[in-house]
Amino acid sequence: MAKNVNMLIPNVTKLPNQKKVDVSNRLPKEGKVSDFKRMLENEQVQKPLHGGIDISSHAAKRLEERKINFDGSEYLKVKDAMTKLRAKGGKDSLVITDQAAYIVDVKNNKVVTAVDKGSMNENVFTKIDSTVFV
């Protein structure tokens, strides 16, 4: 049979040989801009706003090499096509305009690559689940 042991435990607020807490890495006081805040602001600038389209570095290179003019009207065509594809469950899709063909990642609102109209006949498009003509 166990005995009840009444033992008092002292209130210990500091252990012996406890090191001082390093406060040099704490967040700065108001008025100072931290590196984290600056990095966060830069990240927000790089992301497309209001459901816009992001262009991968590979696609940007292809647009330049193939002299594809991804202007405002082309942008709107691709953006509208991505909206339609999303509604139909498209994931990795081919968008064909009168100027070029684009492989898009619908989930991430991203143009992955681009092929100019003159080179479309020579290319094979793989790993796509849907196509839209705009």
N, C-alpha and C. Protein backbone atom coordinates (compact mmCIF):
# COMPACT_ATOMS: atom_id res chain seq x y z
N MET A 1 0.84 -1.16 0.00
CA MET A 1 0.00 0.00 0.00
C MET A 1 0.89 1.24 0.00
N ALA A 2 0.58 2.19 -0.87
CA ALA A 2 1.40 3.38 -1.01
C ALA A 2 1.03 4.41 0.04
N LYS A 3 2.06 5.06 0.55
CA LYS A 3 1.84 6.11 1.53
C LYS A 3 1.78 7.44 0.83
N ASN A 4 0.96 8.33 1.32
CA ASN A 4 0.91 9.69 0.80
C ASN A 4 2.10 10.45 1.35
N VAL A 5 2.85 11.02 0.45
CA VAL A 5 4.02 11.78 0.86
C VAL A 5 3.73 13.24 0.58
N ASN A 6 3.76 14.03 1.60
CA ASN A 6 3.57 15.46 1.44
C ASN A 6 4.94 16.10 1.36
N MET A 7 5.27 16.56 0.16
CA MET A 7 6.56 17.17 -0.04
C MET A 7 6.34 18.54 -0.66
N LEU A 8 7.03 19.51 -0.17
CA LEU A 8 6.95 20.85 -0.71
C LEU A 8 8.01 21.01 -1.78
N ILE A 9 7.59 21.53 -2.95
CA ILE A 9 8.53 21.79 -4.02
C ILE A 9 8.74 23.29 -4.06
N PRO A 10 9.98 23.72 -3.92
CA PRO A 10 10.23 25.16 -3.90
C PRO A 10 9.96 25.79 -5.27
N ASN A 11 9.61 27.06 -5.29
CA ASN A 11 9.38 27.82 -6.50
C ASN A 11 10.75 28.18 -7.09
N VAL A 12 11.11 27.50 -8.15
CA VAL A 12 12.42 27.72 -8.75
C VAL A 12 12.25 28.62 -9.97
N THR A 13 12.81 29.79 -9.94
CA THR A 13 12.72 30.70 -11.08
C THR A 13 14.02 30.76 -11.86
N LYS A 14 15.09 30.35 -11.26
CA LYS A 14 16.37 30.36 -11.95
C LYS A 14 17.17 29.15 -11.51
N LEU A 15 17.62 28.42 -12.51
CA LEU A 15 18.42 27.25 -12.20
C LEU A 15 19.86 27.68 -11.98
N PRO A 16 20.59 26.98 -11.17
CA PRO A 16 21.99 27.33 -10.97
C PRO A 16 22.76 27.19 -12.29
N ASN A 17 23.70 28.07 -12.51
CA ASN A 17 24.53 28.08 -13.70
C ASN A 17 23.73 28.31 -14.99
N GLN A 18 22.59 28.94 -14.85
CA GLN A 18 21.77 29.23 -16.04
C GLN A 18 22.40 30.37 -16.82
N LYS A 19 22.52 30.18 -18.14
CA LYS A 19 23.13 31.21 -18.98
C LYS A 19 22.11 32.29 -19.28
N LYS A 20 22.64 33.46 -19.57
CA LYS A 20 21.80 34.59 -19.92
C LYS A 20 21.21 34.37 -21.31
N VAL A 21 20.00 34.82 -21.54
CA VAL A 21 19.34 34.66 -22.83
C VAL A 21 19.90 35.67 -23.82
N ASP A 22 20.23 35.19 -25.03
CA ASP A 22 20.75 36.07 -26.07
C ASP A 22 19.58 36.77 -26.73
N VAL A 23 19.51 38.08 -26.65
CA VAL A 23 18.40 38.85 -27.22
C VAL A 23 18.80 39.57 -28.50
N SER A 24 19.99 39.29 -29.01
CA SER A 24 20.45 40.00 -30.19
C SER A 24 19.67 39.63 -31.45
N ASN A 25 19.01 38.46 -31.44
CA ASN A 25 18.29 38.04 -32.63
C ASN A 25 16.78 38.30 -32.54
N ARG A 26 16.36 39.07 -31.60
CA ARG A 26 14.94 39.40 -31.46
C ARG A 26 14.51 40.37 -32.53
N LEU A 27 13.21 40.42 -32.80
CA LEU A 27 12.68 41.34 -33.79
C LEU A 27 12.94 42.78 -33.37
N PRO A 28 13.19 43.65 -34.33
CA PRO A 28 13.47 45.04 -33.98
C PRO A 28 12.21 45.74 -33.48
N LYS A 29 12.42 46.82 -32.75
CA LYS A 29 11.29 47.61 -32.27
C LYS A 29 10.65 48.33 -33.44
N GLU A 30 9.44 48.80 -33.24
CA GLU A 30 8.72 49.48 -34.31
C GLU A 30 9.55 50.64 -34.85
N GLY A 31 9.39 50.88 -36.15
CA GLY A 31 10.15 51.94 -36.79
C GLY A 31 11.33 51.41 -37.59
N LYS A 32 11.85 50.24 -37.21
CA LYS A 32 12.93 49.62 -37.95
C LYS A 32 12.35 48.54 -38.86
N VAL A 33 12.89 48.43 -40.06
CA VAL A 33 12.43 47.41 -41.00
C VAL A 33 13.34 46.21 -40.90
N SER A 34 12.78 45.07 -40.59
CA SER A 34 13.58 43.87 -40.45
C SER A 34 13.86 43.26 -41.82
N ASP A 35 14.88 42.42 -41.87
CA ASP A 35 15.21 41.71 -43.11
C ASP A 35 14.06 40.82 -43.53
N PHE A 36 13.38 40.21 -42.55
CA PHE A 36 12.25 39.34 -42.85
C PHE A 36 11.12 40.13 -43.51
N LYS A 37 10.81 41.28 -42.98
CA LYS A 37 9.74 42.11 -43.55
C LYS A 37 10.10 42.54 -44.96
N ARG A 38 11.35 42.93 -45.17
CA ARG A 38 11.81 43.34 -46.50
C ARG A 38 11.70 42.17 -47.48
N MET A 39 12.10 40.98 -47.04
CA MET A 39 12.02 39.79 -47.87
C MET A 39 10.56 39.46 -48.21
N LEU A 40 9.68 39.59 -47.25
CA LEU A 40 8.26 39.33 -47.45
C LEU A 40 7.67 40.30 -48.46
N GLU A 41 8.02 41.57 -48.36
CA GLU A 41 7.53 42.57 -49.31
C GLU A 41 8.03 42.27 -50.72
N ASN A 42 9.29 41.85 -50.85
CA ASN A 42 9.84 41.50 -52.16
C ASN A 42 9.11 40.30 -52.75
N GLU A 43 8.79 39.32 -51.92
CA GLU A 43 8.08 38.13 -52.37
C GLU A 43 6.69 38.50 -52.87
N GLN A 44 6.02 39.41 -52.20
CA GLN A 44 4.69 39.82 -52.61
C GLN A 44 4.72 40.56 -53.93
N VAL A 45 5.77 41.30 -54.20
CA VAL A 45 5.90 42.04 -55.45
C VAL A 45 6.08 41.06 -56.61
N GLN A 46 6.80 39.97 -56.38
CA GLN A 46 7.10 39.03 -57.44
C GLN A 46 5.91 38.16 -57.82
N LYS A 47 4.97 37.96 -56.93
CA LYS A 47 3.80 37.14 -57.22
C LYS A 47 2.80 37.94 -58.04
N PRO A 48 2.11 37.27 -58.97
CA PRO A 48 1.12 38.00 -59.76
C PRO A 48 -0.04 38.47 -58.88
N LEU A 49 -0.51 39.66 -59.16
CA LEU A 49 -1.59 40.24 -58.37
C LEU A 49 -2.94 39.94 -58.99
N HIS A 50 -3.96 39.82 -58.19
CA HIS A 50 -5.35 39.67 -58.62
C HIS A 50 -5.53 38.50 -59.60
N GLY A 51 -4.93 37.36 -59.30
CA GLY A 51 -5.11 36.20 -60.15
C GLY A 51 -4.42 36.32 -61.49
N GLY A 52 -3.37 37.12 -61.57
CA GLY A 52 -2.65 37.30 -62.83
C GLY A 52 -1.88 36.06 -63.22
N ILE A 53 -1.26 36.13 -64.38
CA ILE A 53 -0.48 35.01 -64.90
C ILE A 53 0.99 35.23 -64.59
N ASP A 54 1.64 34.19 -64.12
CA ASP A 54 3.08 34.21 -63.91
C ASP A 54 3.72 33.55 -65.12
N ILE A 55 4.90 33.99 -65.49
CA ILE A 55 5.61 33.41 -66.62
C ILE A 55 6.91 32.82 -66.09
N SER A 56 7.11 31.53 -66.31
CA SER A 56 8.33 30.88 -65.83
C SER A 56 9.53 31.46 -66.56
N SER A 57 10.71 31.28 -65.98
CA SER A 57 11.93 31.79 -66.62
C SER A 57 12.15 31.08 -67.96
N HIS A 58 11.79 29.80 -68.03
CA HIS A 58 11.90 29.05 -69.29
C HIS A 58 10.98 29.66 -70.36
N ALA A 59 9.74 29.95 -69.97
CA ALA A 59 8.79 30.54 -70.92
C ALA A 59 9.25 31.93 -71.36
N ALA A 60 9.78 32.72 -70.44
CA ALA A 60 10.26 34.06 -70.78
C ALA A 60 11.39 33.96 -71.82
N LYS A 61 12.27 32.98 -71.63
CA LYS A 61 13.36 32.78 -72.57
C LYS A 61 12.81 32.38 -73.95
N ARG A 62 11.81 31.49 -73.95
CA ARG A 62 11.22 31.04 -75.22
C ARG A 62 10.48 32.19 -75.92
N LEU A 63 9.79 33.02 -75.17
CA LEU A 63 9.10 34.17 -75.76
C LEU A 63 10.09 35.08 -76.47
N GLU A 64 11.22 35.29 -75.83
CA GLU A 64 12.24 36.16 -76.40
C GLU A 64 12.91 35.52 -77.62
N GLU A 65 13.33 34.24 -77.48
CA GLU A 65 14.00 33.55 -78.57
C GLU A 65 13.12 33.43 -79.81
N ARG A 66 11.86 33.16 -79.60
CA ARG A 66 10.94 32.91 -80.71
C ARG A 66 10.20 34.17 -81.15
N LYS A 67 10.57 35.29 -80.57
CA LYS A 67 10.00 36.60 -80.92
C LYS A 67 8.47 36.60 -80.86
N ILE A 68 7.95 36.05 -79.77
CA ILE A 68 6.50 36.03 -79.54
C ILE A 68 6.15 37.27 -78.74
N ASN A 69 5.22 38.04 -79.26
CA ASN A 69 4.79 39.27 -78.59
C ASN A 69 3.68 38.94 -77.60
N PHE A 70 4.04 38.79 -76.34
CA PHE A 70 3.07 38.48 -75.28
C PHE A 70 2.54 39.79 -74.73
N ASP A 71 1.77 40.49 -75.56
CA ASP A 71 1.25 41.81 -75.19
C ASP A 71 -0.06 41.69 -74.41
N GLY A 72 -0.74 42.80 -74.21
CA GLY A 72 -1.97 42.82 -73.41
C GLY A 72 -3.06 41.93 -73.95
N SER A 73 -3.28 41.93 -75.27
CA SER A 73 -4.37 41.10 -75.82
C SER A 73 -4.02 39.62 -75.73
N GLU A 74 -2.75 39.28 -75.95
CA GLU A 74 -2.33 37.87 -75.84
C GLU A 74 -2.43 37.42 -74.37
N TYR A 75 -2.03 38.28 -73.47
CA TYR A 75 -2.13 38.00 -72.04
C TYR A 75 -3.58 37.71 -71.65
N LEU A 76 -4.50 38.56 -72.11
CA LEU A 76 -5.92 38.37 -71.78
C LEU A 76 -6.48 37.09 -72.37
N LYS A 77 -6.05 36.74 -73.58
CA LYS A 77 -6.50 35.48 -74.19
C LYS A 77 -6.06 34.29 -73.34
N VAL A 78 -4.79 34.28 -72.93
CA VAL A 78 -4.27 33.17 -72.13
C VAL A 78 -4.93 33.14 -70.76
N LYS A 79 -5.14 34.31 -70.17
CA LYS A 79 -5.78 34.37 -68.85
C LYS A 79 -7.21 33.85 -68.92
N ASP A 80 -7.97 34.26 -69.93
CA ASP A 80 -9.35 33.77 -70.09
C ASP A 80 -9.37 32.27 -70.35
N ALA A 81 -8.42 31.79 -71.15
CA ALA A 81 -8.33 30.36 -71.42
C ALA A 81 -8.05 29.58 -70.13
N MET A 82 -7.19 30.12 -69.28
CA MET A 82 -6.88 29.45 -68.02
C MET A 82 -8.10 29.40 -67.11
N THR A 83 -8.92 30.44 -67.14
CA THR A 83 -10.15 30.46 -66.35
C THR A 83 -11.08 29.34 -66.82
N LYS A 84 -11.22 29.20 -68.14
CA LYS A 84 -12.06 28.13 -68.71
C LYS A 84 -11.51 26.76 -68.35
N LEU A 85 -10.20 26.60 -68.48
CA LEU A 85 -9.57 25.33 -68.17
C LEU A 85 -9.75 24.94 -66.70
N ARG A 86 -9.62 25.92 -65.83
CA ARG A 86 -9.79 25.67 -64.39
C ARG A 86 -11.21 25.18 -64.11
N ALA A 87 -12.19 25.80 -64.77
CA ALA A 87 -13.60 25.43 -64.57
C ALA A 87 -13.87 24.01 -65.05
N LYS A 88 -13.12 23.56 -66.05
CA LYS A 88 -13.31 22.21 -66.60
C LYS A 88 -12.37 21.18 -65.97
N GLY A 89 -11.54 21.61 -65.03
CA GLY A 89 -10.65 20.67 -64.34
C GLY A 89 -9.29 20.48 -65.01
N GLY A 90 -8.92 21.36 -65.92
CA GLY A 90 -7.61 21.26 -66.57
C GLY A 90 -6.48 21.52 -65.59
N LYS A 91 -5.37 20.82 -65.81
CA LYS A 91 -4.22 21.00 -64.92
C LYS A 91 -3.01 21.48 -65.72
N ASP A 92 -2.50 20.63 -66.59
CA ASP A 92 -1.39 20.98 -67.48
C ASP A 92 -1.98 21.02 -68.88
N SER A 93 -2.11 22.21 -69.43
CA SER A 93 -2.92 22.39 -70.62
C SER A 93 -2.17 23.10 -71.74
N LEU A 94 -2.72 22.94 -72.95
CA LEU A 94 -2.20 23.60 -74.13
C LEU A 94 -3.19 24.68 -74.53
N VAL A 95 -2.71 25.93 -74.61
CA VAL A 95 -3.53 27.06 -75.04
C VAL A 95 -2.99 27.50 -76.39
N ILE A 96 -3.88 27.50 -77.40
CA ILE A 96 -3.46 27.89 -78.75
C ILE A 96 -4.18 29.16 -79.14
N THR A 97 -3.38 30.19 -79.46
CA THR A 97 -3.92 31.46 -79.93
C THR A 97 -3.55 31.61 -81.41
N ASP A 98 -3.96 32.70 -82.04
CA ASP A 98 -3.60 32.92 -83.43
C ASP A 98 -2.11 33.25 -83.59
N GLN A 99 -1.41 33.51 -82.48
CA GLN A 99 -0.01 33.89 -82.53
C GLN A 99 0.95 32.79 -82.09
N ALA A 100 0.53 31.97 -81.09
CA ALA A 100 1.44 30.99 -80.51
C ALA A 100 0.66 29.91 -79.76
N ALA A 101 1.42 28.93 -79.28
CA ALA A 101 0.88 27.89 -78.40
C ALA A 101 1.61 27.98 -77.07
N TYR A 102 0.88 27.81 -75.99
CA TYR A 102 1.45 27.93 -74.65
C TYR A 102 1.09 26.68 -73.84
N ILE A 103 2.07 26.11 -73.16
CA ILE A 103 1.79 25.08 -72.17
C ILE A 103 1.65 25.82 -70.85
N VAL A 104 0.52 25.59 -70.16
CA VAL A 104 0.25 26.32 -68.92
C VAL A 104 -0.01 25.35 -67.77
N ASP A 105 0.43 25.77 -66.60
CA ASP A 105 0.13 25.09 -65.34
C ASP A 105 -1.05 25.84 -64.74
N VAL A 106 -2.24 25.29 -64.90
CA VAL A 106 -3.47 25.99 -64.53
C VAL A 106 -3.53 26.25 -63.03
N LYS A 107 -3.17 25.27 -62.23
CA LYS A 107 -3.23 25.40 -60.77
C LYS A 107 -2.41 26.58 -60.27
N ASN A 108 -1.22 26.77 -60.85
CA ASN A 108 -0.31 27.83 -60.40
C ASN A 108 -0.37 29.09 -61.25
N ASN A 109 -1.34 29.18 -62.18
CA ASN A 109 -1.47 30.35 -63.06
C ASN A 109 -0.15 30.69 -63.73
N LYS A 110 0.49 29.68 -64.32
CA LYS A 110 1.83 29.91 -64.85
C LYS A 110 1.94 29.41 -66.29
N VAL A 111 2.54 30.25 -67.14
CA VAL A 111 2.91 29.84 -68.49
C VAL A 111 4.25 29.12 -68.36
N VAL A 112 4.29 27.86 -68.78
CA VAL A 112 5.49 27.04 -68.62
C VAL A 112 6.42 27.17 -69.82
N THR A 113 5.85 27.16 -71.03
CA THR A 113 6.65 27.35 -72.23
C THR A 113 5.77 27.89 -73.35
N ALA A 114 6.41 28.34 -74.42
CA ALA A 114 5.69 28.93 -75.55
C ALA A 114 6.35 28.51 -76.85
N VAL A 115 5.50 28.31 -77.89
CA VAL A 115 5.97 27.95 -79.22
C VAL A 115 5.29 28.88 -80.21
N ASP A 116 6.09 29.47 -81.11
CA ASP A 116 5.49 30.37 -82.10
C ASP A 116 4.68 29.59 -83.12
N LYS A 117 3.78 30.27 -83.80
CA LYS A 117 2.85 29.66 -84.75
C LYS A 117 3.58 28.89 -85.85
N GLY A 118 4.67 29.44 -86.36
CA GLY A 118 5.42 28.78 -87.42
C GLY A 118 6.06 27.47 -87.01
N SER A 119 6.36 27.30 -85.74
CA SER A 119 7.02 26.08 -85.26
C SER A 119 6.05 25.07 -84.67
N MET A 120 4.77 25.39 -84.61
CA MET A 120 3.81 24.48 -83.98
C MET A 120 3.72 23.13 -84.68
N ASN A 121 3.81 23.13 -86.02
CA ASN A 121 3.67 21.88 -86.76
C ASN A 121 4.80 20.90 -86.47
N GLU A 122 5.95 21.40 -86.08
CA GLU A 122 7.12 20.56 -85.85
C GLU A 122 7.19 20.01 -84.43
N ASN A 123 6.35 20.48 -83.54
CA ASN A 123 6.45 20.11 -82.13
C ASN A 123 5.43 19.05 -81.74
N VAL A 124 5.82 18.24 -80.76
CA VAL A 124 4.93 17.27 -80.14
C VAL A 124 4.69 17.77 -78.73
N PHE A 125 3.43 17.90 -78.36
CA PHE A 125 3.08 18.37 -77.02
C PHE A 125 2.68 17.16 -76.18
N THR A 126 3.43 16.93 -75.11
CA THR A 126 3.17 15.76 -74.25
C THR A 126 2.79 16.21 -72.86
N LYS A 127 2.26 15.28 -72.11
CA LYS A 127 1.89 15.48 -70.70
C LYS A 127 0.92 16.64 -70.51
N ILE A 128 -0.04 16.74 -71.41
CA ILE A 128 -1.10 17.73 -71.24
C ILE A 128 -2.42 16.99 -71.07
N ASP A 129 -3.34 17.57 -70.33
CA ASP A 129 -4.63 16.91 -70.12
C ASP A 129 -5.78 17.63 -70.83
N SER A 130 -5.50 18.79 -71.41
CA SER A 130 -6.56 19.52 -72.08
C SER A 130 -5.97 20.55 -73.03
N THR A 131 -6.80 20.97 -73.99
CA THR A 131 -6.39 21.97 -74.99
C THR A 131 -7.54 22.94 -75.19
N VAL A 132 -7.19 24.21 -75.38
CA VAL A 132 -8.22 25.22 -75.71
C VAL A 132 -7.68 26.12 -76.80
N PHE A 133 -8.55 26.43 -77.78
CA PHE A 133 -8.21 27.36 -78.85
C PHE A 133 -8.86 28.69 -78.54
N VAL A 134 -8.08 29.76 -78.56
CA VAL A 134 -8.64 31.10 -78.32
C VAL A 134 -8.20 32.07 -79.39
